[in-house]
Each structure stands twice: as C-alpha cells, then as structure tokens.
PDB file of N, CA and C in Angstrom:
ATOM      1  N   MET A   1      59.114  90.275 134.809  1.00  0.00           N
ATOM      2  CA  MET A   1      57.800  90.795 135.102  1.00  0.00           C
ATOM      3  C   MET A   1      56.813  90.160 134.137  1.00  0.00           C
ATOM      4  N   ASP A   2      55.763  89.588 134.665  1.00  0.00           N
ATOM      5  CA  ASP A   2      54.716  88.985 133.851  1.00  0.00           C
ATOM      6  C   ASP A   2      53.464  89.845 133.928  1.00  0.00           C
ATOM      7  N   THR A   3      52.790  90.020 132.787  1.00  0.00           N
ATOM      8  CA  THR A   3      51.552  90.776 132.723  1.00  0.00           C
ATOM      9  C   THR A   3      50.525  89.977 131.947  1.00  0.00           C
ATOM     10  N   ASN A   4      49.343  89.848 132.481  1.00  0.00           N
ATOM     11  CA  ASN A   4      48.215  89.222 131.790  1.00  0.00           C
ATOM     12  C   ASN A   4      47.011  90.124 131.961  1.00  0.00           C
ATOM     13  N   ASP A   5      46.396  90.524 130.841  1.00  0.00           N
ATOM     14  CA  ASP A   5      45.216  91.376 130.942  1.00  0.00           C
ATOM     15  C   ASP A   5      44.284  91.101 129.774  1.00  0.00           C
ATOM     16  N   THR A   6      43.048  91.499 129.937  1.00  0.00           N
ATOM     17  CA  THR A   6      42.039  91.402 128.885  1.00  0.00           C
ATOM     18  C   THR A   6      41.426  92.777 128.706  1.00  0.00           C
ATOM     19  N   THR A   7      41.284  93.194 127.436  1.00  0.00           N
ATOM     20  CA  THR A   7      40.756  94.513 127.116  1.00  0.00           C
ATOM     21  C   THR A   7      39.525  94.366 126.232  1.00  0.00           C
ATOM     22  N   ASP A   8      38.497  95.132 126.517  1.00  0.00           N
ATOM     23  CA  ASP A   8      37.302  95.194 125.674  1.00  0.00           C
ATOM     24  C   ASP A   8      37.589  96.206 124.569  1.00  0.00           C
ATOM     25  N   LEU A   9      37.848  95.733 123.358  1.00  0.00           N
ATOM     26  CA  LEU A   9      38.294  96.619 122.281  1.00  0.00           C
ATOM     27  C   LEU A   9      37.177  97.436 121.648  1.00  0.00           C
ATOM     28  N   ASP A  10      35.921  97.010 121.774  1.00  0.00           N
ATOM     29  CA  ASP A  10      34.837  97.785 121.158  1.00  0.00           C
ATOM     30  C   ASP A  10      34.207  98.781 122.135  1.00  0.00           C
ATOM     31  N   TYR A  11      34.566  98.700 123.410  1.00  0.00           N
ATOM     32  CA  TYR A  11      34.093  99.635 124.442  1.00  0.00           C
ATOM     33  C   TYR A  11      32.570  99.737 124.521  1.00  0.00           C
ATOM     34  N   SER A  12      31.909  98.638 124.207  1.00  0.00           N
ATOM     35  CA  SER A  12      30.450  98.605 124.334  1.00  0.00           C
ATOM     36  C   SER A  12      30.086  97.843 125.611  1.00  0.00           C
ATOM     37  N   PRO A  13      28.816  97.873 126.025  1.00  0.00           N
ATOM     38  CA  PRO A  13      28.424  97.136 127.225  1.00  0.00           C
ATOM     39  C   PRO A  13      28.615  95.621 127.103  1.00  0.00           C
ATOM     40  N   MET A  14      28.630  95.099 125.869  1.00  0.00           N
ATOM     41  CA  MET A  14      28.827  93.659 125.660  1.00  0.00           C
ATOM     42  C   MET A  14      30.246  93.412 125.165  1.00  0.00           C
ATOM     43  N   PRO A  15      30.872  92.348 125.589  1.00  0.00           N
ATOM     44  CA  PRO A  15      32.251  92.061 125.132  1.00  0.00           C
ATOM     45  C   PRO A  15      32.253  91.437 123.733  1.00  0.00           C
ATOM     46  N   LEU A  16      32.026  92.254 122.723  1.00  0.00           N
ATOM     47  CA  LEU A  16      31.952  91.757 121.350  1.00  0.00           C
ATOM     48  C   LEU A  16      33.338  91.473 120.771  1.00  0.00           C
ATOM     49  N   ILE A  17      34.273  92.372 121.041  1.00  0.00           N
ATOM     50  CA  ILE A  17      35.643  92.197 120.550  1.00  0.00           C
ATOM     51  C   ILE A  17      36.572  92.407 121.750  1.00  0.00           C
ATOM     52  N   THR A  18      37.340  91.370 122.085  1.00  0.00           N
ATOM     53  CA  THR A  18      38.242  91.455 123.239  1.00  0.00           C
ATOM     54  C   THR A  18      39.658  91.047 122.836  1.00  0.00           C
ATOM     55  N   ARG A  19      40.601  91.486 123.613  1.00  0.00           N
ATOM     56  CA  ARG A  19      41.993  91.080 123.411  1.00  0.00           C
ATOM     57  C   ARG A  19      42.538  90.550 124.735  1.00  0.00           C
ATOM     58  N   ALA A  20      43.018  89.317 124.688  1.00  0.00           N
ATOM     59  CA  ALA A  20      43.749  88.740 125.820  1.00  0.00           C
ATOM     60  C   ALA A  20      45.228  88.949 125.533  1.00  0.00           C
ATOM     61  N   ASN A  21      45.907  89.597 126.439  1.00  0.00           N
ATOM     62  CA  ASN A  21      47.297  89.971 126.216  1.00  0.00           C
ATOM     63  C   ASN A  21      48.170  89.397 127.341  1.00  0.00           C
ATOM     64  N   ALA A  22      49.195  88.664 126.959  1.00  0.00           N
ATOM     65  CA  ALA A  22      50.153  88.126 127.938  1.00  0.00           C
ATOM     66  C   ALA A  22      51.541  88.621 127.543  1.00  0.00           C
ATOM     67  N   GLU A  23      52.237  89.236 128.480  1.00  0.00           N
ATOM     68  CA  GLU A  23      53.583  89.748 128.216  1.00  0.00           C
ATOM     69  C   GLU A  23      54.524  89.248 129.296  1.00  0.00           C
ATOM     70  N   ASP A  24      55.748  89.005 128.888  1.00  0.00           N
ATOM     71  CA  ASP A  24      56.790  88.566 129.815  1.00  0.00           C
ATOM     72  C   ASP A  24      58.054  89.352 129.485  1.00  0.00           C
ATOM     73  N   GLN A  25      58.630  89.991 130.489  1.00  0.00           N
ATOM     74  CA  GLN A  25      59.839  90.788 130.267  1.00  0.00           C
ATOM     75  C   GLN A  25      60.827  90.537 131.385  1.00  0.00           C
ATOM     76  N   ARG A  26      62.076  90.371 130.997  1.00  0.00           N
ATOM     77  CA  ARG A  26      63.177  90.215 131.943  1.00  0.00           C
ATOM     78  C   ARG A  26      64.283  91.170 131.516  1.00  0.00           C
ATOM     79  N   GLN A  27      64.916  91.824 132.496  1.00  0.00           N
ATOM     80  CA  GLN A  27      66.001  92.757 132.200  1.00  0.00           C
ATOM     81  C   GLN A  27      67.068  92.640 133.278  1.00  0.00           C
ATOM     82  N   PHE A  28      68.327  92.736 132.832  1.00  0.00           N
ATOM     83  CA  PHE A  28      69.452  92.670 133.754  1.00  0.00           C
ATOM     84  C   PHE A  28      70.497  93.683 133.298  1.00  0.00           C
ATOM     85  N   THR A  29      70.992  94.482 134.240  1.00  0.00           N
ATOM     86  CA  THR A  29      72.045  95.459 133.962  1.00  0.00           C
ATOM     87  C   THR A  29      73.099  95.340 135.055  1.00  0.00           C
ATOM     88  N   GLN A  30      74.362  95.328 134.640  1.00  0.00           N
ATOM     89  CA  GLN A  30      75.455  95.246 135.608  1.00  0.00           C
ATOM     90  C   GLN A  30      76.635  96.064 135.091  1.00  0.00           C
ATOM     91  N   GLU A  31      77.302  96.740 136.004  1.00  0.00           N
ATOM     92  CA  GLU A  31      78.498  97.507 135.647  1.00  0.00           C
ATOM     93  C   GLU A  31      79.606  97.169 136.635  1.00  0.00           C
ATOM     94  N   PHE A  32      80.787  96.946 136.096  1.00  0.00           N
ATOM     95  CA  PHE A  32      81.986  96.738 136.904  1.00  0.00           C
ATOM     96  C   PHE A  32      82.970  97.839 136.534  1.00  0.00           C
ATOM     97  N   ARG A  33      83.514  98.511 137.541  1.00  0.00           N
ATOM     98  CA  ARG A  33      84.434  99.600 137.263  1.00  0.00           C
ATOM     99  C   ARG A  33      85.550  99.592 138.294  1.00  0.00           C
ATOM    100  N   VAL A  34      86.766  99.815 137.839  1.00  0.00           N
ATOM    101  CA  VAL A  34      87.923  99.958 138.710  1.00  0.00           C
ATOM    102  C   VAL A  34      88.622 101.264 138.334  1.00  0.00           C
ATOM    103  N   ALA A  35      89.236 101.885 139.342  1.00  0.00           N
ATOM    104  CA  ALA A  35      89.878 103.172 139.089  1.00  0.00           C
ATOM    105  C   ALA A  35      91.031 103.365 140.068  1.00  0.00           C
ATOM    106  N   SER A  36      91.933 104.234 139.668  1.00  0.00           N
ATOM    107  CA  SER A  36      93.013 104.598 140.589  1.00  0.00           C
ATOM    108  C   SER A  36      92.417 105.407 141.733  1.00  0.00           C
ATOM    109  N   ALA A  37      93.102 105.406 142.847  1.00  0.00           N
ATOM    110  CA  ALA A  37      92.622 106.168 144.006  1.00  0.00           C
ATOM    111  C   ALA A  37      92.605 107.657 143.666  1.00  0.00           C
ATOM    112  N   ALA A  38      91.570 108.354 144.102  1.00  0.00           N
ATOM    113  CA  ALA A  38      91.405 109.764 143.737  1.00  0.00           C
ATOM    114  C   ALA A  38      92.536 110.644 144.273  1.00  0.00           C
ATOM    115  N   GLY A  39      93.001 110.379 145.475  1.00  0.00           N
ATOM    116  CA  GLY A  39      94.012 111.235 146.082  1.00  0.00           C
ATOM    117  C   GLY A  39      95.440 110.815 145.813  1.00  0.00           C
ATOM    118  N   SER A  40      95.640 109.669 145.141  1.00  0.00           N
ATOM    119  CA  SER A  40      97.017 109.221 144.921  1.00  0.00           C
ATOM    120  C   SER A  40      97.170 108.601 143.533  1.00  0.00           C
ATOM    121  N   PRO A  41      97.348 109.452 142.511  1.00  0.00           N
ATOM    122  CA  PRO A  41      97.576 108.928 141.171  1.00  0.00           C
ATOM    123  C   PRO A  41      98.947 108.257 141.070  1.00  0.00           C
ATOM    124  N   VAL A  42      99.105 107.452 140.042  1.00  0.00           N
ATOM    125  CA  VAL A  42     100.397 106.791 139.807  1.00  0.00           C
ATOM    126  C   VAL A  42     101.397 107.869 139.365  1.00  0.00           C
ATOM    127  N   ARG A  43     102.565 107.938 140.045  1.00  0.00           N
ATOM    128  CA  ARG A  43     103.568 108.955 139.729  1.00  0.00           C
ATOM    129  C   ARG A  43     104.711 108.324 138.935  1.00  0.00           C
ATOM    130  N   PHE A  44     105.003 108.937 137.784  1.00  0.00           N
ATOM    131  CA  PHE A  44     106.132 108.514 136.968  1.00  0.00           C
ATOM    132  C   PHE A  44     107.335 109.424 137.190  1.00  0.00           C
ATOM    133  N   ALA A  45     107.069 110.671 137.502  1.00  0.00           N
ATOM    134  CA  ALA A  45     108.099 111.673 137.803  1.00  0.00           C
ATOM    135  C   ALA A  45     107.413 112.781 138.594  1.00  0.00           C
ATOM    136  N   ASP A  46     108.162 113.787 138.953  1.00  0.00           N
ATOM    137  CA  ASP A  46     107.558 114.881 139.717  1.00  0.00           C
ATOM    138  C   ASP A  46     106.429 115.571 138.944  1.00  0.00           C
ATOM    139  N   THR A  47     106.534 115.613 137.627  1.00  0.00           N
ATOM    140  CA  THR A  47     105.529 116.311 136.816  1.00  0.00           C
ATOM    141  C   THR A  47     104.650 115.357 136.007  1.00  0.00           C
ATOM    142  N   ALA A  48     104.865 114.060 136.113  1.00  0.00           N
ATOM    143  CA  ALA A  48     104.087 113.095 135.319  1.00  0.00           C
ATOM    144  C   ALA A  48     103.323 112.143 136.242  1.00  0.00           C
ATOM    145  N   THR A  49     102.011 112.273 136.219  1.00  0.00           N
ATOM    146  CA  THR A  49     101.158 111.385 137.009  1.00  0.00           C
ATOM    147  C   THR A  49     100.100 110.762 136.099  1.00  0.00           C
ATOM    148  N   LEU A  50      99.516 109.702 136.578  1.00  0.00           N
ATOM    149  CA  LEU A  50      98.494 109.002 135.781  1.00  0.00           C
ATOM    150  C   LEU A  50      97.318 108.644 136.687  1.00  0.00           C
ATOM    151  N   ARG A  51      96.144 109.065 136.272  1.00  0.00           N
ATOM    152  CA  ARG A  51      94.893 108.613 136.877  1.00  0.00           C
ATOM    153  C   ARG A  51      94.188 107.775 135.829  1.00  0.00           C
ATOM    154  N   TRP A  52      93.601 106.697 136.241  1.00  0.00           N
ATOM    155  CA  TRP A  52      92.985 105.797 135.273  1.00  0.00           C
ATOM    156  C   TRP A  52      91.658 105.250 135.787  1.00  0.00           C
ATOM    157  N   GLN A  53      90.891 104.776 134.815  1.00  0.00           N
ATOM    158  CA  GLN A  53      89.592 104.171 135.108  1.00  0.00           C
ATOM    159  C   GLN A  53      89.279 103.205 133.972  1.00  0.00           C
ATOM    160  N   ALA A  54      88.758 102.041 134.314  1.00  0.00           N
ATOM    161  CA  ALA A  54      88.367 101.051 133.305  1.00  0.00           C
ATOM    162  C   ALA A  54      87.095 100.365 133.784  1.00  0.00           C
ATOM    163  N   GLY A  55      86.306  99.900 132.837  1.00  0.00           N
ATOM    164  CA  GLY A  55      85.068  99.257 133.244  1.00  0.00           C
ATOM    165  C   GLY A  55      84.415  98.460 132.132  1.00  0.00           C
ATOM    166  N   VAL A  56      83.417  97.693 132.525  1.00  0.00           N
ATOM    167  CA  VAL A  56      82.612  96.887 131.604  1.00  0.00           C
ATOM    168  C   VAL A  56      81.158  97.035 132.038  1.00  0.00           C
ATOM    169  N   SER A  57      80.268  97.231 131.072  1.00  0.00           N
ATOM    170  CA  SER A  57      78.831  97.295 131.339  1.00  0.00           C
ATOM    171  C   SER A  57      78.136  96.204 130.535  1.00  0.00           C
ATOM    172  N   LEU A  58      77.160  95.579 131.145  1.00  0.00           N
ATOM    173  CA  LEU A  58      76.390  94.514 130.498  1.00  0.00           C
ATOM    174  C   LEU A  58      74.917  94.846 130.612  1.00  0.00           C
ATOM    175  N   PHE A  59      74.185  94.681 129.518  1.00  0.00           N
ATOM    176  CA  PHE A  59      72.738  94.877 129.489  1.00  0.00           C
ATOM    177  C   PHE A  59      72.119  93.736 128.719  1.00  0.00           C
ATOM    178  N   THR A  60      71.081  93.127 129.266  1.00  0.00           N
ATOM    179  CA  THR A  60      70.369  92.079 128.560  1.00  0.00           C
ATOM    180  C   THR A  60      68.873  92.228 128.822  1.00  0.00           C
ATOM    181  N   GLN A  61      68.066  91.988 127.801  1.00  0.00           N
ATOM    182  CA  GLN A  61      66.622  92.099 127.928  1.00  0.00           C
ATOM    183  C   GLN A  61      65.955  91.050 127.055  1.00  0.00           C
ATOM    184  N   ASP A  62      64.949  90.377 127.601  1.00  0.00           N
ATOM    185  CA  ASP A  62      64.106  89.429 126.865  1.00  0.00           C
ATOM    186  C   ASP A  62      62.667  89.905 126.985  1.00  0.00           C
ATOM    187  N   TYR A  63      61.948  89.872 125.875  1.00  0.00           N
ATOM    188  CA  TYR A  63      60.555  90.309 125.870  1.00  0.00           C
ATOM    189  C   TYR A  63      59.755  89.356 124.992  1.00  0.00           C
ATOM    190  N   ALA A  64      58.586  88.960 125.466  1.00  0.00           N
ATOM    191  CA  ALA A  64      57.684  88.112 124.676  1.00  0.00           C
ATOM    192  C   ALA A  64      56.259  88.610 124.880  1.00  0.00           C
ATOM    193  N   GLN A  65      55.475  88.576 123.800  1.00  0.00           N
ATOM    194  CA  GLN A  65      54.073  88.987 123.875  1.00  0.00           C
ATOM    195  C   GLN A  65      53.226  87.998 123.096  1.00  0.00           C
ATOM    196  N   ASP A  66      52.089  87.642 123.672  1.00  0.00           N
ATOM    197  CA  ASP A  66      51.103  86.788 123.020  1.00  0.00           C
ATOM    198  C   ASP A  66      49.760  87.502 123.151  1.00  0.00           C
ATOM    199  N   ALA A  67      49.246  88.034 122.055  1.00  0.00           N
ATOM    200  CA  ALA A  67      47.987  88.774 122.074  1.00  0.00           C
ATOM    201  C   ALA A  67      46.973  88.047 121.193  1.00  0.00           C
ATOM    202  N   VAL A  68      45.784  87.788 121.752  1.00  0.00           N
ATOM    203  CA  VAL A  68      44.729  87.082 121.027  1.00  0.00           C
ATOM    204  C   VAL A  68      43.493  87.981 120.987  1.00  0.00           C
ATOM    205  N   ASN A  69      43.070  88.342 119.767  1.00  0.00           N
ATOM    206  CA  ASN A  69      41.836  89.107 119.579  1.00  0.00           C
ATOM    207  C   ASN A  69      40.702  88.124 119.315  1.00  0.00           C
ATOM    208  N   THR A  70      39.609  88.274 120.026  1.00  0.00           N
ATOM    209  CA  THR A  70      38.467  87.382 119.855  1.00  0.00           C
ATOM    210  C   THR A  70      37.246  88.203 119.473  1.00  0.00           C
ATOM    211  N   PHE A  71      36.588  87.766 118.395  1.00  0.00           N
ATOM    212  CA  PHE A  71      35.373  88.400 117.908  1.00  0.00           C
ATOM    213  C   PHE A  71      34.215  87.490 118.279  1.00  0.00           C
ATOM    214  N   ALA A  72      33.330  87.972 119.132  1.00  0.00           N
ATOM    215  CA  ALA A  72      32.199  87.166 119.595  1.00  0.00           C
ATOM    216  C   ALA A  72      31.272  86.850 118.429  1.00  0.00           C
ATOM    217  N   PRO A  73      30.483  85.775 118.526  1.00  0.00           N
ATOM    218  CA  PRO A  73      29.586  85.384 117.427  1.00  0.00           C
ATOM    219  C   PRO A  73      28.651  86.511 117.000  1.00  0.00           C
ATOM    220  N   SER A  74      28.136  87.270 117.915  1.00  0.00           N
ATOM    221  CA  SER A  74      27.179  88.316 117.544  1.00  0.00           C
ATOM    222  C   SER A  74      27.843  89.474 116.803  1.00  0.00           C
ATOM    223  N   SER A  75      29.156  89.621 116.910  1.00  0.00           N
ATOM    224  CA  SER A  75      29.826  90.700 116.188  1.00  0.00           C
ATOM    225  C   SER A  75      30.172  90.286 114.753  1.00  0.00           C
ATOM    226  N   CYS A  76      30.180  88.974 114.479  1.00  0.00           N
ATOM    227  CA  CYS A  76      30.552  88.488 113.150  1.00  0.00           C
ATOM    228  C   CYS A  76      29.332  88.084 112.316  1.00  0.00           C
ATOM    229  N   HIS A  77      28.354  87.487 112.966  1.00  0.00           N
ATOM    230  CA  HIS A  77      27.167  86.990 112.268  1.00  0.00           C
ATOM    231  C   HIS A  77      25.942  87.344 113.095  1.00  0.00           C
ATOM    232  N   HIS A  78      24.807  87.188 112.495  1.00  0.00           N
ATOM    233  CA  HIS A  78      23.570  87.472 113.214  1.00  0.00           C
ATOM    234  C   HIS A  78      23.081  86.277 114.013  1.00  0.00           C
ATOM    235  N   SER A  79      23.691  85.137 113.833  1.00  0.00           N
ATOM    236  CA  SER A  79      23.276  83.949 114.558  1.00  0.00           C
ATOM    237  C   SER A  79      24.143  83.782 115.801  1.00  0.00           C
ATOM    238  N   SER A  80      23.526  83.513 116.935  1.00  0.00           N
ATOM    239  CA  SER A  80      24.293  83.324 118.172  1.00  0.00           C
ATOM    240  C   SER A  80      24.941  81.948 118.218  1.00  0.00           C
ATOM    241  N   ARG A  81      24.616  81.077 117.253  1.00  0.00           N
ATOM    242  CA  ARG A  81      25.235  79.741 117.222  1.00  0.00           C
ATOM    243  C   ARG A  81      26.568  79.739 116.480  1.00  0.00           C
ATOM    244  N   SER A  82      26.921  80.827 115.877  1.00  0.00           N
ATOM    245  CA  SER A  82      28.185  80.896 115.139  1.00  0.00           C
ATOM    246  C   SER A  82      29.350  80.873 116.113  1.00  0.00           C
ATOM    247  N   PRO A  83      30.427  80.219 115.742  1.00  0.00           N
ATOM    248  CA  PRO A  83      31.594  80.192 116.638  1.00  0.00           C
ATOM    249  C   PRO A  83      32.293  81.546 116.658  1.00  0.00           C
ATOM    250  N   SER A  84      33.005  81.791 117.720  1.00  0.00           N
ATOM    251  CA  SER A  84      33.785  83.024 117.774  1.00  0.00           C
ATOM    252  C   SER A  84      35.023  82.883 116.884  1.00  0.00           C
ATOM    253  N   ILE A  85      35.570  84.001 116.492  1.00  0.00           N
ATOM    254  CA  ILE A  85      36.750  84.032 115.630  1.00  0.00           C
ATOM    255  C   ILE A  85      37.881  84.669 116.418  1.00  0.00           C
ATOM    256  N   SER A  86      39.068  84.074 116.350  1.00  0.00           N
ATOM    257  CA  SER A  86      40.223  84.614 117.066  1.00  0.00           C
ATOM    258  C   SER A  86      41.381  84.842 116.115  1.00  0.00           C
ATOM    259  N   THR A  87      42.126  85.891 116.365  1.00  0.00           N
ATOM    260  CA  THR A  87      43.382  86.134 115.659  1.00  0.00           C
ATOM    261  C   THR A  87      44.471  86.234 116.706  1.00  0.00           C
ATOM    262  N   ARG A  88      45.652  85.772 116.371  1.00  0.00           N
ATOM    263  CA  ARG A  88      46.745  85.740 117.346  1.00  0.00           C
ATOM    264  C   ARG A  88      47.958  86.457 116.781  1.00  0.00           C
ATOM    265  N   ARG A  89      48.630  87.206 117.669  1.00  0.00           N
ATOM    266  CA  ARG A  89      49.892  87.859 117.317  1.00  0.00           C
ATOM    267  C   ARG A  89      50.892  87.491 118.404  1.00  0.00           C
ATOM    268  N   TRP A  90      51.981  86.904 117.988  1.00  0.00           N
ATOM    269  CA  TRP A  90      53.023  86.503 118.923  1.00  0.00           C
ATOM    270  C   TRP A  90      54.332  87.106 118.473  1.00  0.00           C
ATOM    271  N   ARG A  91      55.085  87.684 119.404  1.00  0.00           N
ATOM    272  CA  ARG A  91      56.400  88.233 119.050  1.00  0.00           C
ATOM    273  C   ARG A  91      57.345  88.099 120.229  1.00  0.00           C
ATOM    274  N   ARG A  92      58.611  88.076 119.879  1.00  0.00           N
ATOM    275  CA  ARG A  92      59.655  87.940 120.890  1.00  0.00           C
ATOM    276  C   ARG A  92      60.913  88.639 120.391  1.00  0.00           C
ATOM    277  N   TRP A  93      61.616  89.278 121.305  1.00  0.00           N
ATOM    278  CA  TRP A  93      62.928  89.814 120.943  1.00  0.00           C
ATOM    279  C   TRP A  93      63.867  89.720 122.124  1.00  0.00           C
ATOM    280  N   ARG A  94      65.141  89.696 121.774  1.00  0.00           N
ATOM    281  CA  ARG A  94      66.218  89.656 122.769  1.00  0.00           C
ATOM    282  C   ARG A  94      67.237  90.726 122.409  1.00  0.00           C
ATOM    283  N   ILE A  95      67.690  91.419 123.419  1.00  0.00           N
ATOM    284  CA  ILE A  95      68.720  92.437 123.233  1.00  0.00           C
ATOM    285  C   ILE A  95      69.872  92.088 124.169  1.00  0.00           C
ATOM    286  N   ARG A  96      71.064  92.045 123.623  1.00  0.00           N
ATOM    287  CA  ARG A  96      72.265  91.805 124.411  1.00  0.00           C
ATOM    288  C   ARG A  96      73.283  92.882 124.035  1.00  0.00           C
ATOM    289  N   ALA A  97      73.872  93.507 125.027  1.00  0.00           N
ATOM    290  CA  ALA A  97      74.879  94.538 124.752  1.00  0.00           C
ATOM    291  C   ALA A  97      75.894  94.563 125.870  1.00  0.00           C
ATOM    292  N   TRP A  98      77.123  94.815 125.503  1.00  0.00           N
ATOM    293  CA  TRP A  98      78.151  95.045 126.507  1.00  0.00           C
ATOM    294  C   TRP A  98      79.104  96.097 125.971  1.00  0.00           C
ATOM    295  N   VAL A  99      79.622  96.893 126.889  1.00  0.00           N
ATOM    296  CA  VAL A  99      80.493  98.009 126.538  1.00  0.00           C
ATOM    297  C   VAL A  99      81.707  97.961 127.449  1.00  0.00           C
ATOM    298  N   ARG A 100      82.847  98.134 126.889  1.00  0.00           N
ATOM    299  CA  ARG A 100      84.057  98.252 127.721  1.00  0.00           C
ATOM    300  C   ARG A 100      84.592  99.672 127.535  1.00  0.00           C
ATOM    301  N   SER A 101      85.172 100.193 128.583  1.00  0.00           N
ATOM    302  CA  SER A 101      85.655 101.561 128.516  1.00  0.00           C
ATOM    303  C   SER A 101      86.948 101.692 129.314  1.00  0.00           C
ATOM    304  N   ALA A 102      87.745 102.638 128.908  1.00  0.00           N
ATOM    305  CA  ALA A 102      88.990 102.945 129.620  1.00  0.00           C
ATOM    306  C   ALA A 102      89.288 104.426 129.421  1.00  0.00           C
ATOM    307  N   ARG A 103      89.850 105.021 130.456  1.00  0.00           N
ATOM    308  CA  ARG A 103      90.188 106.436 130.380  1.00  0.00           C
ATOM    309  C   ARG A 103      91.421 106.681 131.237  1.00  0.00           C
ATOM    310  N   ALA A 104      92.321 107.484 130.716  1.00  0.00           N
ATOM    311  CA  ALA A 104      93.523 107.861 131.473  1.00  0.00           C
ATOM    312  C   ALA A 104      93.744 109.355 131.254  1.00  0.00           C
ATOM    313  N   ARG A 105      94.284 109.990 132.302  1.00  0.00           N
ATOM    314  CA  ARG A 105      94.632 111.422 132.134  1.00  0.00           C
ATOM    315  C   ARG A 105      95.772 111.755 133.049  1.00  0.00           C
TER     316      ARG A 105
END
C-alpha cells in the first residue's frame, strides 16, 4: 500500500509550514497446518489414541516513510525573496517472524 499526502501543519489560510509525507507498506501472512482427522484418531490400542496437529506461520512486513517539512519564506524571514527551508525524516523497518507449533493429545 502506497500513501502520499501533504498536510498544512500551521492550519492557517496560507501554507506557511507543510509536510509532504510518502509511506510504503507491504505485509504478508501465511499459515500452513496439518492435523489428524477429527473422527478417526490414530489408535495404538483399545484405550490409547492419538490426535495431532502441526503447523507453521509466517509473517513479514516492510515499512518505509519519507516525510519532508517545508517552511515557506514568509514563515522564516520577512523577505519574500528568502528561500524556503526543508527538513527531512526518513525511516524504514522490516519485521520477519515465523512460528512452528505441534500439539498431541
């Protein structure tokens, strides 16, 4: 999912301080599971049966953000010929996880 937006940070009629924000996020989740049949457990003897279940889960997420704050010339100086000033914040993270599970009764 990609997001691009611009926000007026000073909330005045003129765009004196703005933020351009770009975000990118990707996520994937998958689960694989196998189990014994519910109505027919594995029989070892008349009184010993086994029901089982095993599985693996995978989760992955990537996120990146690029945010640029811009201060218009009139918000920094009294001269309209002054250049605008920008600050940038960039961050990225990745999360990877997998879980394996097993159960018997």
